[in-house]
Protein backbone atom coordinates (compact mmCIF):
# COMPACT_ATOMS: atom_id res chain seq x y z
CA MET A 1 74.37 153.43 73.44
CA THR A 2 77.17 155.55 73.23
CA ALA A 3 80.90 154.46 72.48
CA ASP A 4 81.85 155.05 75.93
CA GLU A 5 79.06 152.99 77.43
CA LEU A 6 79.79 150.18 75.16
CA LEU A 7 83.47 150.30 76.04
CA THR A 8 82.53 150.40 79.84
CA VAL A 9 80.33 147.42 79.49
CA TYR A 10 83.00 145.52 77.45
CA VAL A 11 85.68 146.25 80.09
CA VAL A 12 83.34 145.18 83.09
CA LEU A 13 82.31 141.99 81.38
CA ALA A 14 85.82 141.19 80.66
CA LEU A 15 87.04 141.76 84.16
CA GLY A 16 83.99 139.84 85.56
CA ALA A 17 84.98 136.85 83.48
CA LEU A 18 88.64 137.07 84.60
CA ALA A 19 87.39 137.05 88.26
CA ALA A 20 85.13 133.98 87.64
CA ILE A 21 87.97 132.10 86.11
CA ALA A 22 90.57 132.99 89.09
CA TRP A 23 87.81 132.10 91.53
CA TYR A 24 87.13 128.75 89.79
CA TYR A 25 90.69 127.81 89.79
CA ALA A 26 91.21 128.91 93.56
CA GLN A 27 88.43 126.75 94.37
CA ARG A 28 89.96 123.81 92.35
CA GLN A 29 93.37 124.21 93.97
CA LYS A 30 91.94 124.13 97.45
CA ARG A 31 89.96 120.84 96.65
CA PHE A 32 92.98 119.04 94.89
CA GLY A 33 95.98 120.63 96.38
CA PRO A 34 98.12 118.93 99.03
CA MET A 35 96.98 119.20 102.63
CA PRO A 36 99.22 120.51 105.22
CA SER A 37 100.77 117.73 107.45
CA GLU A 38 99.86 117.45 111.15
CA ASP A 39 103.43 115.93 111.98
CA ARG A 40 105.88 117.63 113.92
CA ILE A 41 109.55 118.28 112.70
CA PHE A 42 112.66 117.18 114.73
CA ARG A 43 116.16 117.73 114.32
CA CYS A 44 118.67 115.41 115.98
CA GLU A 45 121.07 117.09 118.28
CA HIS A 46 123.73 114.32 117.84
CA CYS A 47 123.86 113.73 113.98
CA GLY A 48 121.71 116.71 112.69
CA PHE A 49 119.31 114.45 110.87
CA VAL A 50 115.87 116.25 110.18
CA TYR A 51 112.78 114.06 110.38
CA THR A 52 109.16 114.13 111.14
CA ASP A 53 106.95 112.13 113.61
CA ASP A 54 103.44 112.11 114.91
CA ALA A 55 101.68 115.30 116.40
CA ASP A 56 100.93 113.68 119.70
CA VAL A 57 104.81 112.81 120.32
CA ASP A 58 106.72 115.18 122.32
CA ARG A 59 110.12 113.56 122.19
CA SER A 60 111.11 111.36 119.22
CA ARG A 61 113.89 108.81 118.66
CA CYS A 62 116.16 109.70 115.67
CA PRO A 63 115.98 107.03 113.10
CA GLN A 64 119.69 107.44 112.21
CA CYS A 65 121.48 107.21 115.55
CA GLY A 66 118.85 106.59 118.14
CA THR A 67 119.17 109.85 120.14
CA LEU A 68 115.82 111.23 121.81
CA ASN A 69 114.96 114.93 120.61
CA GLU A 70 112.70 117.64 121.31
CA ALA A 71 110.38 118.83 118.39
CA ILE A 72 111.54 122.13 116.49
CA LEU A 73 109.44 125.05 117.31
CA PHE A 74 108.94 127.73 114.53
């Protein structure tokens, strides 16, 4: 093997190892990372308090002042 071939094999193996490590950590993050919440976000029109409630709720009562509020749409 020539020096060029050895250098090419070395670089390809090093990049392959880095790709394998990156893939492993990406899979690990998916498995142990926090799951996105299904809750809806509400902001009180009266006092400005931001809170969450279940996904199946269209209108929710503010825990601070008791005003009924619509969900925030992003």
